[in-house]
Amino acid sequence: MSDKQALKPERSSEPDFSNTPLRQRLKEVLLRRILGGHYDPGERLVELRIAEEFGTSQGPVREALRELEATGLVTNLPRRGTYVSDVMGEGLREIYTVRGALEEQATRIATRSGACDLRLLQREVDLMHEAAVGGDTHGVVEHSVKFHRSIMEAAGNRLLLNIWQSLQIETRTTITMLVEGLDLVEIADSHQPIVDAISGGDAELAARVAREHQDYFERLPVPSKAG
């Protein structure tokens, strides 16, 4: 069986990511299993076993685990294997504190310069809302990341962008959505005030709205265990 035909998990609760690359689909399924308590902290994730389960080679599994390691969800120990990390705690809150500061400044700069593509931002909000109505967490996260990345890039500050990208925004956002069980429509629509503020041209107002958007996530209770 080819890798393109693979990834047909037996667990019916896991969504079908048929339009995304195999590596990404594997990462999403493993991420959901880790956060859902299917794998316990400290449990070893065996590449061969996962590959056999999903009918694929070990290559895509290895790539998916490598990406998860970069987020801190799993830990690779030389000559011992890959193990599930205990990722719940203050780390998520700290990520949103830093992210809020970065996006506040980027929004201020981008609004002052008028560099934001407002039509693109509005389109991402609309697509987020559409995904949210359909209960598509992956879609909400995807378009949310595109929305915020567009603002970060519009700021034209490479250092700000590099630090922001190092936070593994997509995976961290997915973690928050899955663990907290947030209202997807509410989250999607919470991006509209940012577009409106940027469109109004008031850089300080836009920066404040962007910061408040992230402050909401920072204030969420810190989960002690997923699932």
N, C-alpha and C. Protein backbone atom coordinates (compact mmCIF):
# COMPACT_ATOMS: atom_id res chain seq x y z
N MET A 1 0.84 -1.20 0.00
CA MET A 1 0.00 0.00 0.00
C MET A 1 0.87 1.24 0.00
N SER A 2 0.55 2.23 -0.82
CA SER A 2 1.35 3.44 -0.89
C SER A 2 1.03 4.35 0.27
N ASP A 3 1.95 5.32 0.54
CA ASP A 3 1.72 6.26 1.62
C ASP A 3 0.47 7.09 1.37
N LYS A 4 0.16 7.38 0.09
CA LYS A 4 -1.01 8.19 -0.23
C LYS A 4 -2.31 7.48 0.14
N GLN A 5 -2.27 6.14 0.16
CA GLN A 5 -3.46 5.36 0.48
C GLN A 5 -3.53 5.04 1.97
N ALA A 6 -2.49 5.41 2.69
CA ALA A 6 -2.39 5.01 4.09
C ALA A 6 -3.20 5.93 5.00
N LEU A 7 -3.01 5.72 6.28
CA LEU A 7 -3.64 6.47 7.35
C LEU A 7 -5.14 6.28 7.37
N LYS A 8 -5.55 5.09 7.72
CA LYS A 8 -6.97 4.81 7.94
C LYS A 8 -7.10 4.29 9.36
N PRO A 9 -7.02 5.18 10.34
CA PRO A 9 -7.02 4.74 11.73
C PRO A 9 -8.29 4.00 12.10
N GLU A 10 -8.13 3.04 13.00
CA GLU A 10 -9.26 2.24 13.42
C GLU A 10 -10.19 3.03 14.33
N ARG A 11 -9.65 4.05 15.03
CA ARG A 11 -10.44 4.81 15.98
C ARG A 11 -11.35 5.76 15.23
N SER A 12 -12.66 5.49 15.25
CA SER A 12 -13.62 6.27 14.48
C SER A 12 -13.73 7.71 14.95
N SER A 13 -13.29 8.02 16.17
CA SER A 13 -13.39 9.37 16.70
C SER A 13 -12.35 10.30 16.09
N GLU A 14 -11.36 9.73 15.41
CA GLU A 14 -10.32 10.56 14.83
C GLU A 14 -10.73 11.02 13.45
N PRO A 15 -10.62 12.34 13.16
CA PRO A 15 -11.09 12.88 11.89
C PRO A 15 -10.24 12.47 10.72
N ASP A 16 -10.82 12.62 9.55
CA ASP A 16 -10.11 12.30 8.31
C ASP A 16 -9.45 13.56 7.77
N PHE A 17 -8.13 13.54 7.65
CA PHE A 17 -7.39 14.68 7.12
C PHE A 17 -6.91 14.34 5.71
N SER A 18 -7.80 13.83 4.87
CA SER A 18 -7.41 13.28 3.58
C SER A 18 -6.83 14.31 2.63
N ASN A 19 -7.09 15.59 2.87
CA ASN A 19 -6.58 16.61 1.96
C ASN A 19 -5.25 17.19 2.41
N THR A 20 -4.67 16.65 3.47
CA THR A 20 -3.39 17.15 3.96
C THR A 20 -2.31 16.09 3.79
N PRO A 21 -1.02 16.50 3.78
CA PRO A 21 0.07 15.55 3.60
C PRO A 21 0.06 14.47 4.69
N LEU A 22 0.57 13.30 4.35
CA LEU A 22 0.57 12.17 5.27
C LEU A 22 1.26 12.51 6.58
N ARG A 23 2.42 13.15 6.50
CA ARG A 23 3.15 13.52 7.71
C ARG A 23 2.28 14.38 8.63
N GLN A 24 1.58 15.35 8.03
CA GLN A 24 0.73 16.23 8.81
C GLN A 24 -0.45 15.48 9.41
N ARG A 25 -1.02 14.56 8.63
CA ARG A 25 -2.15 13.78 9.14
C ARG A 25 -1.73 12.91 10.33
N LEU A 26 -0.57 12.28 10.19
CA LEU A 26 -0.05 11.47 11.29
C LEU A 26 0.18 12.33 12.53
N LYS A 27 0.76 13.50 12.32
CA LYS A 27 1.03 14.39 13.44
C LYS A 27 -0.26 14.78 14.15
N GLU A 28 -1.29 15.09 13.36
CA GLU A 28 -2.57 15.50 13.94
C GLU A 28 -3.20 14.36 14.75
N VAL A 29 -3.15 13.14 14.21
CA VAL A 29 -3.74 12.00 14.92
C VAL A 29 -2.98 11.72 16.21
N LEU A 30 -1.65 11.73 16.13
CA LEU A 30 -0.85 11.48 17.33
C LEU A 30 -1.06 12.58 18.37
N LEU A 31 -1.16 13.82 17.89
CA LEU A 31 -1.39 14.94 18.79
C LEU A 31 -2.71 14.77 19.54
N ARG A 32 -3.76 14.41 18.79
CA ARG A 32 -5.07 14.21 19.41
C ARG A 32 -5.06 13.04 20.39
N ARG A 33 -4.30 12.02 20.07
CA ARG A 33 -4.22 10.87 20.98
C ARG A 33 -3.49 11.25 22.26
N ILE A 34 -2.42 12.02 22.13
CA ILE A 34 -1.66 12.44 23.31
C ILE A 34 -2.54 13.29 24.21
N LEU A 35 -3.21 14.29 23.61
CA LEU A 35 -4.03 15.20 24.39
C LEU A 35 -5.30 14.55 24.91
N GLY A 36 -5.76 13.52 24.20
CA GLY A 36 -6.98 12.83 24.62
C GLY A 36 -6.74 11.75 25.66
N GLY A 37 -5.48 11.54 26.04
CA GLY A 37 -5.17 10.56 27.07
C GLY A 37 -5.01 9.14 26.56
N HIS A 38 -5.02 8.96 25.21
CA HIS A 38 -4.82 7.62 24.65
C HIS A 38 -3.41 7.12 24.95
N TYR A 39 -2.45 8.06 24.95
CA TYR A 39 -1.08 7.75 25.35
C TYR A 39 -0.82 8.44 26.69
N ASP A 40 -0.22 7.74 27.61
CA ASP A 40 0.10 8.31 28.92
C ASP A 40 1.46 9.02 28.89
N PRO A 41 1.65 10.04 29.73
CA PRO A 41 2.97 10.66 29.85
C PRO A 41 4.01 9.61 30.20
N GLY A 42 5.12 9.62 29.46
CA GLY A 42 6.17 8.64 29.69
C GLY A 42 6.06 7.39 28.85
N GLU A 43 4.93 7.24 28.14
CA GLU A 43 4.75 6.06 27.29
C GLU A 43 5.61 6.17 26.03
N ARG A 44 6.20 5.05 25.63
CA ARG A 44 7.04 5.04 24.43
C ARG A 44 6.18 4.92 23.18
N LEU A 45 6.51 5.72 22.17
CA LEU A 45 5.84 5.66 20.87
C LEU A 45 6.75 4.94 19.90
N VAL A 46 6.38 3.74 19.52
CA VAL A 46 7.22 2.90 18.67
C VAL A 46 6.89 3.16 17.20
N GLU A 47 7.88 3.64 16.45
CA GLU A 47 7.67 3.99 15.04
C GLU A 47 7.08 2.84 14.24
N LEU A 48 7.66 1.66 14.37
CA LEU A 48 7.22 0.51 13.59
C LEU A 48 5.77 0.15 13.89
N ARG A 49 5.42 0.18 15.16
CA ARG A 49 4.05 -0.16 15.56
C ARG A 49 3.04 0.84 14.99
N ILE A 50 3.38 2.12 15.04
CA ILE A 50 2.49 3.16 14.51
C ILE A 50 2.38 3.03 12.99
N ALA A 51 3.52 2.78 12.34
CA ALA A 51 3.52 2.62 10.88
C ALA A 51 2.65 1.45 10.45
N GLU A 52 2.75 0.34 11.17
CA GLU A 52 1.94 -0.84 10.84
C GLU A 52 0.46 -0.56 11.07
N GLU A 53 0.14 0.16 12.12
CA GLU A 53 -1.26 0.46 12.42
C GLU A 53 -1.91 1.26 11.29
N PHE A 54 -1.14 2.22 10.73
CA PHE A 54 -1.70 3.09 9.71
C PHE A 54 -1.32 2.68 8.29
N GLY A 55 -0.67 1.54 8.15
CA GLY A 55 -0.37 1.02 6.83
C GLY A 55 0.57 1.88 6.02
N THR A 56 1.61 2.40 6.65
CA THR A 56 2.56 3.25 5.95
C THR A 56 3.98 2.85 6.33
N SER A 57 4.95 3.51 5.75
CA SER A 57 6.35 3.24 6.10
C SER A 57 6.71 4.03 7.35
N GLN A 58 7.90 3.76 7.89
CA GLN A 58 8.31 4.44 9.11
C GLN A 58 8.75 5.88 8.86
N GLY A 59 9.07 6.22 7.60
CA GLY A 59 9.55 7.56 7.29
C GLY A 59 8.59 8.67 7.71
N PRO A 60 7.33 8.64 7.25
CA PRO A 60 6.37 9.68 7.65
C PRO A 60 6.12 9.71 9.16
N VAL A 61 6.16 8.54 9.79
CA VAL A 61 5.98 8.48 11.24
C VAL A 61 7.13 9.18 11.94
N ARG A 62 8.34 8.92 11.45
CA ARG A 62 9.53 9.55 12.03
C ARG A 62 9.46 11.07 11.88
N GLU A 63 9.02 11.53 10.71
CA GLU A 63 8.90 12.98 10.47
C GLU A 63 7.86 13.60 11.40
N ALA A 64 6.74 12.91 11.56
CA ALA A 64 5.67 13.42 12.43
C ALA A 64 6.16 13.51 13.88
N LEU A 65 6.86 12.49 14.34
CA LEU A 65 7.38 12.49 15.70
C LEU A 65 8.43 13.57 15.89
N ARG A 66 9.23 13.83 14.85
CA ARG A 66 10.24 14.88 14.93
C ARG A 66 9.58 16.25 15.10
N GLU A 67 8.47 16.47 14.37
CA GLU A 67 7.76 17.74 14.50
C GLU A 67 7.11 17.87 15.87
N LEU A 68 6.58 16.77 16.38
CA LEU A 68 5.99 16.80 17.71
C LEU A 68 7.05 17.05 18.78
N GLU A 69 8.25 16.53 18.55
CA GLU A 69 9.35 16.75 19.49
C GLU A 69 9.69 18.24 19.56
N ALA A 70 9.64 18.92 18.41
CA ALA A 70 9.95 20.35 18.37
C ALA A 70 8.97 21.17 19.20
N THR A 71 7.77 20.64 19.42
CA THR A 71 6.76 21.35 20.21
C THR A 71 6.83 20.99 21.68
N GLY A 72 7.61 19.97 22.02
CA GLY A 72 7.70 19.53 23.40
C GLY A 72 6.69 18.47 23.78
N LEU A 73 5.88 18.04 22.81
CA LEU A 73 4.86 17.02 23.10
C LEU A 73 5.47 15.65 23.33
N VAL A 74 6.58 15.38 22.66
CA VAL A 74 7.28 14.12 22.86
C VAL A 74 8.76 14.41 23.05
N THR A 75 9.46 13.46 23.63
CA THR A 75 10.89 13.60 23.87
C THR A 75 11.62 12.41 23.29
N ASN A 76 12.67 12.67 22.52
CA ASN A 76 13.47 11.59 21.95
C ASN A 76 14.73 11.39 22.78
N LEU A 77 14.90 10.18 23.28
CA LEU A 77 16.08 9.84 24.07
C LEU A 77 16.99 8.96 23.23
N PRO A 78 18.24 9.37 23.00
CA PRO A 78 19.17 8.59 22.17
C PRO A 78 19.25 7.14 22.60
N ARG A 79 19.13 6.25 21.62
CA ARG A 79 19.24 4.81 21.80
C ARG A 79 18.12 4.22 22.68
N ARG A 80 17.13 5.05 23.01
CA ARG A 80 16.02 4.54 23.83
C ARG A 80 14.66 4.69 23.14
N GLY A 81 14.51 5.74 22.34
CA GLY A 81 13.25 5.92 21.62
C GLY A 81 12.56 7.23 21.93
N THR A 82 11.32 7.34 21.47
CA THR A 82 10.52 8.56 21.64
C THR A 82 9.43 8.32 22.67
N TYR A 83 9.31 9.25 23.61
CA TYR A 83 8.36 9.11 24.71
C TYR A 83 7.44 10.32 24.80
N VAL A 84 6.23 10.08 25.27
CA VAL A 84 5.25 11.16 25.45
C VAL A 84 5.67 12.03 26.62
N SER A 85 5.68 13.35 26.40
CA SER A 85 6.03 14.29 27.46
C SER A 85 4.79 14.68 28.25
N ASP A 86 5.00 15.20 29.44
CA ASP A 86 3.91 15.76 30.23
C ASP A 86 3.85 17.24 29.88
N VAL A 87 2.98 17.61 28.91
CA VAL A 87 3.00 18.96 28.35
C VAL A 87 2.01 19.91 29.02
N MET A 88 1.17 19.43 29.91
CA MET A 88 0.19 20.32 30.52
C MET A 88 0.83 21.08 31.67
N GLY A 89 0.61 22.37 31.72
CA GLY A 89 1.16 23.18 32.80
C GLY A 89 1.32 24.62 32.39
N GLU A 90 2.19 25.33 33.11
CA GLU A 90 2.36 26.76 32.88
C GLU A 90 2.98 27.08 31.53
N GLY A 91 3.59 26.09 30.88
CA GLY A 91 4.23 26.34 29.59
C GLY A 91 3.29 26.94 28.56
N LEU A 92 2.06 26.42 28.48
CA LEU A 92 1.10 26.94 27.51
C LEU A 92 0.77 28.40 27.81
N ARG A 93 0.59 28.73 29.07
CA ARG A 93 0.27 30.11 29.45
C ARG A 93 1.42 31.04 29.08
N GLU A 94 2.64 30.60 29.32
CA GLU A 94 3.80 31.42 28.99
C GLU A 94 3.90 31.68 27.50
N ILE A 95 3.53 30.67 26.69
CA ILE A 95 3.54 30.83 25.24
C ILE A 95 2.61 31.97 24.84
N TYR A 96 1.41 32.02 25.41
CA TYR A 96 0.46 33.07 25.04
C TYR A 96 0.88 34.44 25.55
N THR A 97 1.61 34.48 26.67
CA THR A 97 2.13 35.76 27.16
C THR A 97 3.11 36.35 26.15
N VAL A 98 4.04 35.52 25.69
CA VAL A 98 5.04 35.97 24.72
C VAL A 98 4.37 36.28 23.38
N ARG A 99 3.48 35.39 22.96
CA ARG A 99 2.80 35.60 21.67
C ARG A 99 2.00 36.90 21.68
N GLY A 100 1.34 37.19 22.79
CA GLY A 100 0.55 38.42 22.89
C GLY A 100 1.41 39.65 22.70
N ALA A 101 2.59 39.66 23.32
CA ALA A 101 3.49 40.80 23.20
C ALA A 101 3.98 40.96 21.76
N LEU A 102 4.32 39.85 21.13
CA LEU A 102 4.81 39.90 19.75
C LEU A 102 3.73 40.41 18.80
N GLU A 103 2.51 39.88 18.94
CA GLU A 103 1.44 40.26 18.01
C GLU A 103 0.94 41.68 18.28
N GLU A 104 1.02 42.11 19.52
CA GLU A 104 0.67 43.50 19.83
C GLU A 104 1.58 44.46 19.07
N GLN A 105 2.88 44.23 19.15
CA GLN A 105 3.83 45.12 18.48
C GLN A 105 3.73 45.01 16.96
N ALA A 106 3.58 43.79 16.45
CA ALA A 106 3.48 43.61 15.00
C ALA A 106 2.23 44.30 14.45
N THR A 107 1.13 44.20 15.18
CA THR A 107 -0.11 44.84 14.73
C THR A 107 0.04 46.35 14.73
N ARG A 108 0.70 46.88 15.74
CA ARG A 108 0.95 48.33 15.81
C ARG A 108 1.75 48.79 14.59
N ILE A 109 2.84 48.07 14.29
CA ILE A 109 3.71 48.45 13.16
C ILE A 109 2.96 48.33 11.84
N ALA A 110 2.26 47.21 11.65
CA ALA A 110 1.58 46.95 10.39
C ALA A 110 0.43 47.93 10.15
N THR A 111 -0.24 48.34 11.22
CA THR A 111 -1.34 49.31 11.07
C THR A 111 -0.80 50.69 10.72
N ARG A 112 0.28 51.08 11.37
CA ARG A 112 0.89 52.38 11.07
C ARG A 112 1.34 52.47 9.62
N SER A 113 1.91 51.39 9.12
CA SER A 113 2.44 51.40 7.76
C SER A 113 1.37 51.14 6.70
N GLY A 114 0.22 50.65 7.14
CA GLY A 114 -0.84 50.32 6.19
C GLY A 114 -0.51 49.12 5.32
N ALA A 115 0.36 48.24 5.84
CA ALA A 115 0.85 47.12 5.03
C ALA A 115 -0.05 45.88 5.08
N CYS A 116 -1.03 45.87 5.97
CA CYS A 116 -1.89 44.69 6.07
C CYS A 116 -2.80 44.55 4.86
N ASP A 117 -2.97 43.32 4.41
CA ASP A 117 -3.91 43.02 3.34
C ASP A 117 -5.26 42.74 3.99
N LEU A 118 -6.11 43.76 4.04
CA LEU A 118 -7.38 43.64 4.74
C LEU A 118 -8.32 42.62 4.10
N ARG A 119 -8.28 42.52 2.78
CA ARG A 119 -9.13 41.54 2.11
C ARG A 119 -8.72 40.12 2.48
N LEU A 120 -7.41 39.89 2.57
CA LEU A 120 -6.92 38.57 2.96
C LEU A 120 -7.33 38.26 4.41
N LEU A 121 -7.17 39.24 5.30
CA LEU A 121 -7.54 39.02 6.70
C LEU A 121 -9.03 38.71 6.83
N GLN A 122 -9.86 39.46 6.10
CA GLN A 122 -11.30 39.21 6.17
C GLN A 122 -11.65 37.83 5.62
N ARG A 123 -10.96 37.44 4.57
CA ARG A 123 -11.22 36.12 3.99
C ARG A 123 -10.88 35.02 5.00
N GLU A 124 -9.77 35.17 5.72
CA GLU A 124 -9.40 34.16 6.70
C GLU A 124 -10.42 34.10 7.85
N VAL A 125 -10.94 35.26 8.24
CA VAL A 125 -11.98 35.27 9.28
C VAL A 125 -13.22 34.54 8.79
N ASP A 126 -13.61 34.80 7.55
CA ASP A 126 -14.79 34.14 6.98
C ASP A 126 -14.60 32.63 6.88
N LEU A 127 -13.40 32.22 6.47
CA LEU A 127 -13.11 30.79 6.37
C LEU A 127 -13.05 30.13 7.75
N MET A 128 -12.55 30.88 8.73
CA MET A 128 -12.54 30.38 10.11
C MET A 128 -13.96 30.13 10.59
N HIS A 129 -14.82 31.11 10.33
CA HIS A 129 -16.22 30.99 10.76
C HIS A 129 -16.88 29.79 10.09
N GLU A 130 -16.63 29.63 8.80
CA GLU A 130 -17.21 28.50 8.06
C GLU A 130 -16.75 27.17 8.65
N ALA A 131 -15.44 27.08 8.96
CA ALA A 131 -14.90 25.85 9.55
C ALA A 131 -15.49 25.62 10.94
N ALA A 132 -15.65 26.69 11.70
CA ALA A 132 -16.18 26.59 13.06
C ALA A 132 -17.61 26.07 13.06
N VAL A 133 -18.42 26.58 12.16
CA VAL A 133 -19.81 26.14 12.06
C VAL A 133 -19.88 24.65 11.75
N GLY A 134 -18.90 24.17 10.97
CA GLY A 134 -18.85 22.76 10.62
C GLY A 134 -18.15 21.90 11.65
N GLY A 135 -17.73 22.51 12.77
CA GLY A 135 -17.06 21.75 13.82
C GLY A 135 -15.66 21.29 13.45
N ASP A 136 -15.04 21.98 12.50
CA ASP A 136 -13.72 21.61 11.99
C ASP A 136 -12.62 22.35 12.75
N THR A 137 -12.14 21.75 13.83
CA THR A 137 -11.09 22.37 14.63
C THR A 137 -9.83 22.62 13.81
N HIS A 138 -9.45 21.63 13.00
CA HIS A 138 -8.25 21.76 12.18
C HIS A 138 -8.38 22.97 11.25
N GLY A 139 -9.55 23.16 10.64
CA GLY A 139 -9.76 24.29 9.74
C GLY A 139 -9.69 25.62 10.46
N VAL A 140 -10.27 25.68 11.65
CA VAL A 140 -10.22 26.92 12.44
C VAL A 140 -8.78 27.28 12.76
N VAL A 141 -8.02 26.29 13.20
CA VAL A 141 -6.61 26.52 13.54
C VAL A 141 -5.83 26.96 12.31
N GLU A 142 -6.03 26.27 11.20
CA GLU A 142 -5.30 26.58 9.96
C GLU A 142 -5.51 28.03 9.54
N HIS A 143 -6.76 28.48 9.52
CA HIS A 143 -7.04 29.84 9.06
C HIS A 143 -6.70 30.89 10.12
N SER A 144 -6.75 30.51 11.38
CA SER A 144 -6.31 31.42 12.44
C SER A 144 -4.81 31.68 12.32
N VAL A 145 -4.05 30.62 12.09
CA VAL A 145 -2.60 30.78 11.94
C VAL A 145 -2.28 31.64 10.72
N LYS A 146 -2.98 31.42 9.61
CA LYS A 146 -2.76 32.23 8.41
C LYS A 146 -3.10 33.69 8.68
N PHE A 147 -4.16 33.93 9.42
CA PHE A 147 -4.57 35.28 9.78
C PHE A 147 -3.46 36.00 10.56
N HIS A 148 -3.01 35.37 11.62
CA HIS A 148 -2.01 36.01 12.46
C HIS A 148 -0.65 36.10 11.76
N ARG A 149 -0.31 35.10 10.96
CA ARG A 149 0.95 35.15 10.23
C ARG A 149 0.94 36.32 9.24
N SER A 150 -0.19 36.58 8.61
CA SER A 150 -0.29 37.68 7.66
C SER A 150 0.04 39.01 8.33
N ILE A 151 -0.44 39.20 9.55
CA ILE A 151 -0.15 40.43 10.28
C ILE A 151 1.32 40.49 10.67
N MET A 152 1.85 39.36 11.15
CA MET A 152 3.27 39.33 11.53
C MET A 152 4.16 39.65 10.34
N GLU A 153 3.83 39.11 9.18
CA GLU A 153 4.63 39.36 7.98
C GLU A 153 4.48 40.80 7.51
N ALA A 154 3.28 41.36 7.66
CA ALA A 154 3.04 42.74 7.23
C ALA A 154 3.85 43.74 8.04
N ALA A 155 4.21 43.36 9.27
CA ALA A 155 5.01 44.26 10.11
C ALA A 155 6.40 44.47 9.53
N GLY A 156 6.87 43.51 8.74
CA GLY A 156 8.17 43.66 8.09
C GLY A 156 9.36 43.58 9.02
N ASN A 157 9.17 42.99 10.20
CA ASN A 157 10.26 42.86 11.17
C ASN A 157 10.64 41.38 11.25
N ARG A 158 11.77 41.05 10.67
CA ARG A 158 12.18 39.65 10.57
C ARG A 158 12.39 39.01 11.94
N LEU A 159 12.94 39.76 12.89
CA LEU A 159 13.19 39.20 14.21
C LEU A 159 11.88 38.84 14.91
N LEU A 160 10.90 39.76 14.85
CA LEU A 160 9.59 39.47 15.44
C LEU A 160 8.99 38.21 14.83
N LEU A 161 9.07 38.12 13.51
CA LEU A 161 8.48 36.97 12.80
C LEU A 161 9.19 35.68 13.18
N ASN A 162 10.51 35.71 13.24
CA ASN A 162 11.27 34.49 13.57
C ASN A 162 10.94 33.99 14.98
N ILE A 163 10.85 34.91 15.92
CA ILE A 163 10.51 34.51 17.29
C ILE A 163 9.10 33.94 17.34
N TRP A 164 8.18 34.60 16.66
CA TRP A 164 6.79 34.14 16.61
C TRP A 164 6.70 32.73 16.03
N GLN A 165 7.42 32.49 14.93
CA GLN A 165 7.39 31.17 14.30
C GLN A 165 8.00 30.10 15.20
N SER A 166 8.96 30.48 16.02
CA SER A 166 9.61 29.51 16.90
C SER A 166 8.68 29.00 18.00
N LEU A 167 7.55 29.68 18.19
CA LEU A 167 6.61 29.28 19.24
C LEU A 167 5.73 28.10 18.83
N GLN A 168 5.91 27.62 17.57
CA GLN A 168 5.10 26.49 17.09
C GLN A 168 3.61 26.82 17.25
N ILE A 169 3.20 27.95 16.64
CA ILE A 169 1.87 28.50 16.83
C ILE A 169 0.76 27.50 16.50
N GLU A 170 0.88 26.81 15.36
CA GLU A 170 -0.22 25.94 14.93
C GLU A 170 -0.48 24.83 15.93
N THR A 171 0.59 24.18 16.37
CA THR A 171 0.41 23.07 17.31
C THR A 171 -0.08 23.56 18.66
N ARG A 172 0.47 24.68 19.14
CA ARG A 172 0.05 25.21 20.43
C ARG A 172 -1.43 25.61 20.40
N THR A 173 -1.86 26.19 19.28
CA THR A 173 -3.27 26.58 19.15
C THR A 173 -4.15 25.34 19.16
N THR A 174 -3.72 24.30 18.45
CA THR A 174 -4.49 23.05 18.42
C THR A 174 -4.60 22.45 19.81
N ILE A 175 -3.50 22.47 20.55
CA ILE A 175 -3.51 21.95 21.92
C ILE A 175 -4.57 22.67 22.75
N THR A 176 -4.57 24.00 22.66
CA THR A 176 -5.53 24.78 23.44
C THR A 176 -6.96 24.46 23.05
N MET A 177 -7.22 24.39 21.75
CA MET A 177 -8.58 24.11 21.27
C MET A 177 -9.07 22.75 21.77
N LEU A 178 -8.22 21.74 21.69
CA LEU A 178 -8.63 20.39 22.04
C LEU A 178 -8.76 20.19 23.54
N VAL A 179 -7.80 20.74 24.29
CA VAL A 179 -7.81 20.54 25.74
C VAL A 179 -8.93 21.32 26.40
N GLU A 180 -9.13 22.56 25.96
CA GLU A 180 -10.10 23.42 26.63
C GLU A 180 -11.52 23.22 26.12
N GLY A 181 -11.70 22.60 24.95
CA GLY A 181 -13.04 22.42 24.41
C GLY A 181 -13.75 23.73 24.15
N LEU A 182 -13.05 24.68 23.55
CA LEU A 182 -13.57 26.03 23.35
C LEU A 182 -14.66 26.07 22.28
N ASP A 183 -15.48 27.11 22.33
CA ASP A 183 -16.52 27.35 21.34
C ASP A 183 -15.85 27.83 20.06
N LEU A 184 -15.85 26.99 19.03
CA LEU A 184 -15.13 27.31 17.80
C LEU A 184 -15.66 28.56 17.11
N VAL A 185 -16.98 28.72 17.09
CA VAL A 185 -17.57 29.90 16.44
C VAL A 185 -17.16 31.17 17.17
N GLU A 186 -17.18 31.12 18.48
CA GLU A 186 -16.78 32.28 19.28
C GLU A 186 -15.32 32.63 19.03
N ILE A 187 -14.47 31.61 18.96
CA ILE A 187 -13.05 31.85 18.70
C ILE A 187 -12.85 32.44 17.31
N ALA A 188 -13.52 31.88 16.31
CA ALA A 188 -13.38 32.38 14.94
C ALA A 188 -13.81 33.84 14.85
N ASP A 189 -14.96 34.14 15.42
CA ASP A 189 -15.51 35.50 15.32
C ASP A 189 -14.73 36.51 16.16
N SER A 190 -13.94 36.03 17.12
CA SER A 190 -13.15 36.96 17.95
C SER A 190 -12.03 37.62 17.17
N HIS A 191 -11.78 37.15 15.94
CA HIS A 191 -10.76 37.78 15.10
C HIS A 191 -11.28 39.01 14.37
N GLN A 192 -12.61 39.13 14.26
CA GLN A 192 -13.18 40.25 13.49
C GLN A 192 -12.82 41.62 14.07
N PRO A 193 -12.85 41.82 15.40
CA PRO A 193 -12.46 43.12 15.94
C PRO A 193 -11.04 43.54 15.57
N ILE A 194 -10.16 42.58 15.36
CA ILE A 194 -8.79 42.91 14.96
C ILE A 194 -8.80 43.51 13.56
N VAL A 195 -9.55 42.88 12.66
CA VAL A 195 -9.66 43.40 11.29
C VAL A 195 -10.26 44.79 11.31
N ASP A 196 -11.31 44.98 12.09
CA ASP A 196 -11.99 46.27 12.15
C ASP A 196 -11.06 47.36 12.68
N ALA A 197 -10.28 47.01 13.71
CA ALA A 197 -9.37 48.00 14.30
C ALA A 197 -8.26 48.38 13.33
N ILE A 198 -7.70 47.40 12.64
CA ILE A 198 -6.65 47.68 11.66
C ILE A 198 -7.22 48.53 10.53
N SER A 199 -8.42 48.19 10.09
CA SER A 199 -9.08 48.93 9.01
C SER A 199 -9.30 50.39 9.39
N GLY A 200 -9.57 50.63 10.69
CA GLY A 200 -9.79 52.00 11.16
C GLY A 200 -8.54 52.84 11.19
N GLY A 201 -7.38 52.20 11.13
CA GLY A 201 -6.12 52.94 11.05
C GLY A 201 -5.55 53.43 12.36
N ASP A 202 -6.19 53.11 13.48
CA ASP A 202 -5.68 53.53 14.79
C ASP A 202 -4.72 52.45 15.29
N ALA A 203 -3.43 52.72 15.18
CA ALA A 203 -2.42 51.71 15.49
C ALA A 203 -2.47 51.26 16.94
N GLU A 204 -2.68 52.20 17.87
CA GLU A 204 -2.70 51.84 19.28
C GLU A 204 -3.93 51.01 19.63
N LEU A 205 -5.07 51.37 19.05
CA LEU A 205 -6.29 50.59 19.28
C LEU A 205 -6.13 49.18 18.72
N ALA A 206 -5.60 49.08 17.51
CA ALA A 206 -5.41 47.78 16.87
C ALA A 206 -4.47 46.91 17.69
N ALA A 207 -3.39 47.53 18.20
CA ALA A 207 -2.42 46.78 19.02
C ALA A 207 -3.08 46.28 20.30
N ARG A 208 -3.91 47.13 20.91
CA ARG A 208 -4.59 46.73 22.15
C ARG A 208 -5.57 45.59 21.92
N VAL A 209 -6.32 45.67 20.82
CA VAL A 209 -7.28 44.61 20.50
C VAL A 209 -6.55 43.29 20.24
N ALA A 210 -5.41 43.36 19.53
CA ALA A 210 -4.63 42.16 19.24
C ALA A 210 -4.11 41.53 20.53
N ARG A 211 -3.66 42.37 21.47
CA ARG A 211 -3.15 41.87 22.74
C ARG A 211 -4.27 41.25 23.57
N GLU A 212 -5.43 41.89 23.60
CA GLU A 212 -6.56 41.37 24.36
C GLU A 212 -7.02 40.02 23.80
N HIS A 213 -6.88 39.85 22.49
CA HIS A 213 -7.25 38.59 21.85
C HIS A 213 -6.42 37.44 22.42
N GLN A 214 -5.12 37.67 22.60
CA GLN A 214 -4.26 36.63 23.16
C GLN A 214 -4.39 36.53 24.68
N ASP A 215 -4.72 37.65 25.33
CA ASP A 215 -4.89 37.63 26.79
C ASP A 215 -5.99 36.67 27.20
N TYR A 216 -7.00 36.52 26.35
CA TYR A 216 -8.09 35.59 26.66
C TYR A 216 -7.55 34.17 26.86
N PHE A 217 -6.66 33.75 25.97
CA PHE A 217 -6.09 32.41 26.07
C PHE A 217 -5.13 32.30 27.25
N GLU A 218 -4.43 33.39 27.51
CA GLU A 218 -3.49 33.38 28.64
C GLU A 218 -4.22 33.19 29.97
N ARG A 219 -5.45 33.69 30.04
CA ARG A 219 -6.21 33.61 31.30
C ARG A 219 -6.92 32.28 31.51
N LEU A 220 -6.92 31.43 30.50
CA LEU A 220 -7.59 30.13 30.65
C LEU A 220 -6.95 29.32 31.77
N PRO A 221 -7.74 28.54 32.51
CA PRO A 221 -7.17 27.69 33.56
C PRO A 221 -6.11 26.77 32.98
N VAL A 222 -5.04 26.56 33.73
CA VAL A 222 -3.98 25.67 33.28
C VAL A 222 -4.39 24.24 33.53
N PRO A 223 -4.54 23.42 32.46
CA PRO A 223 -4.97 22.03 32.65
C PRO A 223 -3.86 21.20 33.25
N SER A 224 -4.21 20.33 34.17
CA SER A 224 -3.21 19.45 34.78
C SER A 224 -3.05 18.16 34.01
N LYS A 225 -4.10 17.80 33.25
CA LYS A 225 -4.04 16.57 32.46
C LYS A 225 -5.08 16.66 31.36
N ALA A 226 -4.69 16.25 30.15
CA ALA A 226 -5.64 16.30 29.04
C ALA A 226 -6.64 15.17 29.16
N GLY A 227 -7.83 15.38 28.57
CA GLY A 227 -8.82 14.31 28.48
C GLY A 227 -9.74 14.28 29.69
